[in-house]
């Protein structure tokens, strides 16, 4: 029987056999973002009341749009 070791990224959960690759994965995730814009649809179109689109601005100034 052979014992193996793997490393798991705390952010995305990906498993790696190489510790350095796992550290690179964790360091590469953009973790600090702030919602700067939200779009809501009319209640008749989207009754949940939640936004269907948000814009997030990250610490490096990049903005990303996420939508349903």
PDB file of N, CA and C in Angstrom:
ATOM      1  N   UNK A   1       0.854  -1.170   0.000  1.00  0.00           N
ATOM      2  CA  UNK A   1       0.000   0.000   0.000  1.00  0.00           C
ATOM      3  C   UNK A   1       0.901   1.234   0.000  1.00  0.00           C
ATOM      4  N   UNK A   2       0.478   2.233  -0.777  1.00  0.00           N
ATOM      5  CA  UNK A   2       1.265   3.450  -0.900  1.00  0.00           C
ATOM      6  C   UNK A   2       0.451   4.633  -0.369  1.00  0.00           C
ATOM      7  N   UNK A   3       1.072   5.395   0.503  1.00  0.00           N
ATOM      8  CA  UNK A   3       0.418   6.585   1.047  1.00  0.00           C
ATOM      9  C   UNK A   3       0.652   7.749   0.096  1.00  0.00           C
ATOM     10  N   UNK A   4      -0.397   8.545  -0.147  1.00  0.00           N
ATOM     11  CA  UNK A   4      -0.257   9.720  -1.006  1.00  0.00           C
ATOM     12  C   UNK A   4      -0.702  10.961  -0.239  1.00  0.00           C
ATOM     13  N   UNK A   5      -0.163  12.089  -0.658  1.00  0.00           N
ATOM     14  CA  UNK A   5      -0.519  13.364  -0.051  1.00  0.00           C
ATOM     15  C   UNK A   5      -1.064  14.265  -1.137  1.00  0.00           C
ATOM     16  N   UNK A   6      -2.151  14.952  -0.838  1.00  0.00           N
ATOM     17  CA  UNK A   6      -2.646  15.944  -1.781  1.00  0.00           C
ATOM     18  C   UNK A   6      -2.952  17.223  -1.005  1.00  0.00           C
ATOM     19  N   UNK A   7      -2.980  18.309  -1.743  1.00  0.00           N
ATOM     20  CA  UNK A   7      -3.223  19.629  -1.170  1.00  0.00           C
ATOM     21  C   UNK A   7      -4.499  20.168  -1.785  1.00  0.00           C
ATOM     22  N   UNK A   8      -5.331  20.800  -0.963  1.00  0.00           N
ATOM     23  CA  UNK A   8      -6.621  21.294  -1.424  1.00  0.00           C
ATOM     24  C   UNK A   8      -6.696  22.807  -1.247  1.00  0.00           C
ATOM     25  N   UNK A   9      -7.027  23.504  -2.335  1.00  0.00           N
ATOM     26  CA  UNK A   9      -7.180  24.960  -2.290  1.00  0.00           C
ATOM     27  C   UNK A   9      -8.337  25.310  -1.357  1.00  0.00           C
ATOM     28  N   UNK A  10      -8.087  26.190  -0.395  1.00  0.00           N
ATOM     29  CA  UNK A  10      -9.118  26.603   0.559  1.00  0.00           C
ATOM     30  C   UNK A  10     -10.201  27.467  -0.087  1.00  0.00           C
ATOM     31  N   UNK A  11      -9.913  28.026  -1.258  1.00  0.00           N
ATOM     32  CA  UNK A  11     -10.868  28.920  -1.911  1.00  0.00           C
ATOM     33  C   UNK A  11     -11.818  28.158  -2.839  1.00  0.00           C
ATOM     34  N   UNK A  12     -11.263  27.361  -3.774  1.00  0.00           N
ATOM     35  CA  UNK A  12     -12.107  26.700  -4.778  1.00  0.00           C
ATOM     36  C   UNK A  12     -12.257  25.197  -4.580  1.00  0.00           C
ATOM     37  N   UNK A  13     -11.438  24.620  -3.708  1.00  0.00           N
ATOM     38  CA  UNK A  13     -11.562  23.194  -3.417  1.00  0.00           C
ATOM     39  C   UNK A  13     -10.832  22.255  -4.363  1.00  0.00           C
ATOM     40  N   UNK A  14     -10.086  22.792  -5.324  1.00  0.00           N
ATOM     41  CA  UNK A  14      -9.338  21.945  -6.250  1.00  0.00           C
ATOM     42  C   UNK A  14      -8.208  21.251  -5.507  1.00  0.00           C
ATOM     43  N   UNK A  15      -8.000  19.968  -5.818  1.00  0.00           N
ATOM     44  CA  UNK A  15      -6.945  19.197  -5.166  1.00  0.00           C
ATOM     45  C   UNK A  15      -5.722  19.092  -6.074  1.00  0.00           C
ATOM     46  N   UNK A  16      -4.545  19.196  -5.470  1.00  0.00           N
ATOM     47  CA  UNK A  16      -3.269  19.143  -6.185  1.00  0.00           C
ATOM     48  C   UNK A  16      -2.339  18.145  -5.518  1.00  0.00           C
ATOM     49  N   UNK A  17      -1.492  17.515  -6.323  1.00  0.00           N
ATOM     50  CA  UNK A  17      -0.454  16.639  -5.780  1.00  0.00           C
ATOM     51  C   UNK A  17       0.773  17.459  -5.390  1.00  0.00           C
ATOM     52  N   UNK A  18       0.895  18.639  -5.995  1.00  0.00           N
ATOM     53  CA  UNK A  18       2.045  19.520  -5.782  1.00  0.00           C
ATOM     54  C   UNK A  18       1.634  20.698  -4.888  1.00  0.00           C
ATOM     55  N   UNK A  19       2.305  20.865  -3.755  1.00  0.00           N
ATOM     56  CA  UNK A  19       1.971  21.930  -2.803  1.00  0.00           C
ATOM     57  C   UNK A  19       2.129  23.312  -3.427  1.00  0.00           C
ATOM     58  N   UNK A  20       3.189  23.520  -4.232  1.00  0.00           N
ATOM     59  CA  UNK A  20       3.430  24.828  -4.850  1.00  0.00           C
ATOM     60  C   UNK A  20       2.283  25.223  -5.782  1.00  0.00           C
ATOM     61  N   UNK A  21       1.781  24.254  -6.545  1.00  0.00           N
ATOM     62  CA  UNK A  21       0.673  24.545  -7.455  1.00  0.00           C
ATOM     63  C   UNK A  21      -0.576  24.933  -6.670  1.00  0.00           C
ATOM     64  N   UNK A  22      -0.787  24.289  -5.542  1.00  0.00           N
ATOM     65  CA  UNK A  22      -1.928  24.630  -4.694  1.00  0.00           C
ATOM     66  C   UNK A  22      -1.766  26.042  -4.128  1.00  0.00           C
ATOM     67  N   UNK A  23      -0.565  26.377  -3.708  1.00  0.00           N
ATOM     68  CA  UNK A  23      -0.304  27.725  -3.189  1.00  0.00           C
ATOM     69  C   UNK A  23      -0.529  28.770  -4.274  1.00  0.00           C
ATOM     70  N   UNK A  24      -0.124  28.458  -5.518  1.00  0.00           N
ATOM     71  CA  UNK A  24      -0.338  29.381  -6.636  1.00  0.00           C
ATOM     72  C   UNK A  24      -1.831  29.565  -6.898  1.00  0.00           C
ATOM     73  N   UNK A  25      -2.578  28.474  -6.791  1.00  0.00           N
ATOM     74  CA  UNK A  25      -4.029  28.537  -6.987  1.00  0.00           C
ATOM     75  C   UNK A  25      -4.650  29.461  -5.943  1.00  0.00           C
ATOM     76  N   UNK A  26      -4.312  29.259  -4.681  1.00  0.00           N
ATOM     77  CA  UNK A  26      -4.869  30.087  -3.606  1.00  0.00           C
ATOM     78  C   UNK A  26      -4.486  31.553  -3.770  1.00  0.00           C
ATOM     79  N   UNK A  27      -3.242  31.809  -4.165  1.00  0.00           N
ATOM     80  CA  UNK A  27      -2.781  33.188  -4.325  1.00  0.00           C
ATOM     81  C   UNK A  27      -3.426  33.866  -5.533  1.00  0.00           C
ATOM     82  N   UNK A  28      -3.846  33.090  -6.518  1.00  0.00           N
ATOM     83  CA  UNK A  28      -4.401  33.642  -7.748  1.00  0.00           C
ATOM     84  C   UNK A  28      -5.852  34.080  -7.658  1.00  0.00           C
ATOM     85  N   UNK A  29      -6.564  33.649  -6.637  1.00  0.00           N
ATOM     86  CA  UNK A  29      -7.977  34.014  -6.509  1.00  0.00           C
ATOM     87  C   UNK A  29      -8.122  35.461  -6.051  1.00  0.00           C
ATOM     88  N   UNK A  30      -9.021  36.175  -6.706  1.00  0.00           N
ATOM     89  CA  UNK A  30      -9.336  37.551  -6.309  1.00  0.00           C
ATOM     90  C   UNK A  30     -10.418  37.466  -5.233  1.00  0.00           C
ATOM     91  N   UNK A  31     -10.064  37.823  -4.006  1.00  0.00           N
ATOM     92  CA  UNK A  31     -10.968  37.620  -2.878  1.00  0.00           C
ATOM     93  C   UNK A  31     -11.649  38.894  -2.385  1.00  0.00           C
ATOM     94  N   UNK A  32     -11.035  40.029  -2.619  1.00  0.00           N
ATOM     95  CA  UNK A  32     -11.603  41.271  -2.094  1.00  0.00           C
ATOM     96  C   UNK A  32     -12.290  42.030  -3.222  1.00  0.00           C
ATOM     97  N   UNK A  33     -13.607  41.967  -3.209  1.00  0.00           N
ATOM     98  CA  UNK A  33     -14.397  42.666  -4.210  1.00  0.00           C
ATOM     99  C   UNK A  33     -15.563  43.375  -3.553  1.00  0.00           C
ATOM    100  N   UNK A  34     -16.061  44.396  -4.233  1.00  0.00           N
ATOM    101  CA  UNK A  34     -17.178  45.167  -3.701  1.00  0.00           C
ATOM    102  C   UNK A  34     -18.223  45.328  -4.803  1.00  0.00           C
ATOM    103  N   UNK A  35     -19.476  45.071  -4.459  1.00  0.00           N
ATOM    104  CA  UNK A  35     -20.551  45.269  -5.428  1.00  0.00           C
ATOM    105  C   UNK A  35     -20.704  46.766  -5.669  1.00  0.00           C
ATOM    106  N   UNK A  36     -20.582  47.173  -6.935  1.00  0.00           N
ATOM    107  CA  UNK A  36     -20.688  48.593  -7.269  1.00  0.00           C
ATOM    108  C   UNK A  36     -21.954  48.911  -8.063  1.00  0.00           C
ATOM    109  N   UNK A  37     -22.632  47.867  -8.550  1.00  0.00           N
ATOM    110  CA  UNK A  37     -23.842  48.100  -9.335  1.00  0.00           C
ATOM    111  C   UNK A  37     -24.709  46.844  -9.288  1.00  0.00           C
ATOM    112  N   UNK A  38     -26.032  47.059  -9.228  1.00  0.00           N
ATOM    113  CA  UNK A  38     -26.979  45.944  -9.271  1.00  0.00           C
ATOM    114  C   UNK A  38     -28.108  46.304 -10.228  1.00  0.00           C
ATOM    115  N   UNK A  39     -28.581  45.296 -10.950  1.00  0.00           N
ATOM    116  CA  UNK A  39     -29.745  45.515 -11.809  1.00  0.00           C
ATOM    117  C   UNK A  39     -30.890  44.647 -11.302  1.00  0.00           C
ATOM    118  N   UNK A  40     -32.030  45.281 -11.099  1.00  0.00           N
ATOM    119  CA  UNK A  40     -33.245  44.573 -10.688  1.00  0.00           C
ATOM    120  C   UNK A  40     -34.254  44.635 -11.829  1.00  0.00           C
ATOM    121  N   UNK A  41     -34.954  43.537 -12.027  1.00  0.00           N
ATOM    122  CA  UNK A  41     -36.017  43.498 -13.026  1.00  0.00           C
ATOM    123  C   UNK A  41     -37.354  43.756 -12.344  1.00  0.00           C
ATOM    124  N   UNK A  42     -38.375  44.133 -13.117  1.00  0.00           N
ATOM    125  CA  UNK A  42     -39.696  44.346 -12.525  1.00  0.00           C
ATOM    126  C   UNK A  42     -40.207  43.075 -11.844  1.00  0.00           C
ATOM    127  N   UNK A  43     -41.008  43.263 -10.825  1.00  0.00           N
ATOM    128  CA  UNK A  43     -41.566  42.141 -10.070  1.00  0.00           C
ATOM    129  C   UNK A  43     -42.309  41.164 -10.985  1.00  0.00           C
ATOM    130  N   UNK A  44     -42.965  41.694 -12.009  1.00  0.00           N
ATOM    131  CA  UNK A  44     -43.730  40.833 -12.921  1.00  0.00           C
ATOM    132  C   UNK A  44     -42.826  39.937 -13.761  1.00  0.00           C
ATOM    133  N   UNK A  45     -41.577  40.336 -13.946  1.00  0.00           N
ATOM    134  CA  UNK A  45     -40.633  39.534 -14.726  1.00  0.00           C
ATOM    135  C   UNK A  45     -39.782  38.619 -13.859  1.00  0.00           C
ATOM    136  N   UNK A  46     -39.482  39.076 -12.640  1.00  0.00           N
ATOM    137  CA  UNK A  46     -38.559  38.347 -11.765  1.00  0.00           C
ATOM    138  C   UNK A  46     -39.025  38.529 -10.328  1.00  0.00           C
ATOM    139  N   UNK A  47     -40.034  37.753  -9.901  1.00  0.00           N
ATOM    140  CA  UNK A  47     -40.696  37.989  -8.613  1.00  0.00           C
ATOM    141  C   UNK A  47     -39.861  37.739  -7.360  1.00  0.00           C
ATOM    142  N   UNK A  48     -38.665  37.188  -7.483  1.00  0.00           N
ATOM    143  CA  UNK A  48     -37.868  36.910  -6.276  1.00  0.00           C
ATOM    144  C   UNK A  48     -37.413  38.186  -5.583  1.00  0.00           C
ATOM    145  N   UNK A  49     -37.273  39.266  -6.345  1.00  0.00           N
ATOM    146  CA  UNK A  49     -36.802  40.520  -5.773  1.00  0.00           C
ATOM    147  C   UNK A  49     -35.292  40.670  -5.753  1.00  0.00           C
ATOM    148  N   UNK A  50     -34.575  39.589  -6.039  1.00  0.00           N
ATOM    149  CA  UNK A  50     -33.110  39.655  -6.066  1.00  0.00           C
ATOM    150  C   UNK A  50     -32.626  40.266  -7.373  1.00  0.00           C
ATOM    151  N   UNK A  51     -31.439  40.886  -7.369  1.00  0.00           N
ATOM    152  CA  UNK A  51     -30.908  41.416  -8.624  1.00  0.00           C
ATOM    153  C   UNK A  51     -30.584  40.268  -9.582  1.00  0.00           C
ATOM    154  N   UNK A  52     -30.769  40.519 -10.871  1.00  0.00           N
ATOM    155  CA  UNK A  52     -30.422  39.488 -11.849  1.00  0.00           C
ATOM    156  C   UNK A  52     -29.016  39.710 -12.405  1.00  0.00           C
ATOM    157  N   UNK A  53     -28.430  40.868 -12.068  1.00  0.00           N
ATOM    158  CA  UNK A  53     -27.078  41.170 -12.542  1.00  0.00           C
ATOM    159  C   UNK A  53     -26.376  42.053 -11.517  1.00  0.00           C
ATOM    160  N   UNK A  54     -25.118  41.739 -11.227  1.00  0.00           N
ATOM    161  CA  UNK A  54     -24.318  42.592 -10.338  1.00  0.00           C
ATOM    162  C   UNK A  54     -22.963  42.865 -10.985  1.00  0.00           C
ATOM    163  N   UNK A  55     -22.395  44.000 -10.656  1.00  0.00           N
ATOM    164  CA  UNK A  55     -21.042  44.342 -11.080  1.00  0.00           C
ATOM    165  C   UNK A  55     -20.183  44.420  -9.828  1.00  0.00           C
ATOM    166  N   UNK A  56     -19.063  43.708  -9.853  1.00  0.00           N
ATOM    167  CA  UNK A  56     -18.146  43.661  -8.712  1.00  0.00           C
ATOM    168  C   UNK A  56     -16.830  44.306  -9.120  1.00  0.00           C
ATOM    169  N   UNK A  57     -16.347  45.238  -8.293  1.00  0.00           N
ATOM    170  CA  UNK A  57     -15.052  45.879  -8.529  1.00  0.00           C
ATOM    171  C   UNK A  57     -14.052  45.280  -7.552  1.00  0.00           C
ATOM    172  N   UNK A  58     -12.929  44.788  -8.088  1.00  0.00           N
ATOM    173  CA  UNK A  58     -11.914  44.141  -7.267  1.00  0.00           C
ATOM    174  C   UNK A  58     -10.801  45.109  -6.896  1.00  0.00           C
ATOM    175  N   UNK A  59      -9.951  44.675  -5.948  1.00  0.00           N
ATOM    176  CA  UNK A  59      -8.915  45.543  -5.388  1.00  0.00           C
ATOM    177  C   UNK A  59      -7.950  46.101  -6.434  1.00  0.00           C
ATOM    178  N   UNK A  60      -7.832  45.428  -7.582  1.00  0.00           N
ATOM    179  CA  UNK A  60      -6.930  45.913  -8.629  1.00  0.00           C
ATOM    180  C   UNK A  60      -7.639  46.830  -9.627  1.00  0.00           C
ATOM    181  N   UNK A  61      -8.908  47.172  -9.366  1.00  0.00           N
ATOM    182  CA  UNK A  61      -9.658  48.086 -10.217  1.00  0.00           C
ATOM    183  C   UNK A  61     -10.474  47.417 -11.309  1.00  0.00           C
ATOM    184  N   UNK A  62     -10.299  46.139 -11.510  1.00  0.00           N
ATOM    185  CA  UNK A  62     -11.031  45.411 -12.546  1.00  0.00           C
ATOM    186  C   UNK A  62     -12.474  45.200 -12.100  1.00  0.00           C
ATOM    187  N   UNK A  63     -13.413  45.451 -13.018  1.00  0.00           N
ATOM    188  CA  UNK A  63     -14.826  45.213 -12.746  1.00  0.00           C
ATOM    189  C   UNK A  63     -15.300  44.013 -13.552  1.00  0.00           C
ATOM    190  N   UNK A  64     -16.051  43.138 -12.911  1.00  0.00           N
ATOM    191  CA  UNK A  64     -16.612  41.951 -13.560  1.00  0.00           C
ATOM    192  C   UNK A  64     -18.115  41.948 -13.344  1.00  0.00           C
ATOM    193  N   UNK A  65     -18.845  41.549 -14.384  1.00  0.00           N
ATOM    194  CA  UNK A  65     -20.301  41.498 -14.330  1.00  0.00           C
ATOM    195  C   UNK A  65     -20.733  40.042 -14.211  1.00  0.00           C
ATOM    196  N   UNK A  66     -21.620  39.783 -13.257  1.00  0.00           N
ATOM    197  CA  UNK A  66     -22.169  38.447 -13.041  1.00  0.00           C
ATOM    198  C   UNK A  66     -23.675  38.532 -13.203  1.00  0.00           C
ATOM    199  N   UNK A  67     -24.236  37.589 -13.958  1.00  0.00           N
ATOM    200  CA  UNK A  67     -25.683  37.615 -14.174  1.00  0.00           C
ATOM    201  C   UNK A  67     -26.278  36.218 -14.077  1.00  0.00           C
ATOM    202  N   UNK A  68     -27.573  36.196 -13.830  1.00  0.00           N
ATOM    203  CA  UNK A  68     -28.305  34.932 -13.714  1.00  0.00           C
ATOM    204  C   UNK A  68     -28.492  34.322 -15.076  1.00  0.00           C
TER     205      UNK A  68
END
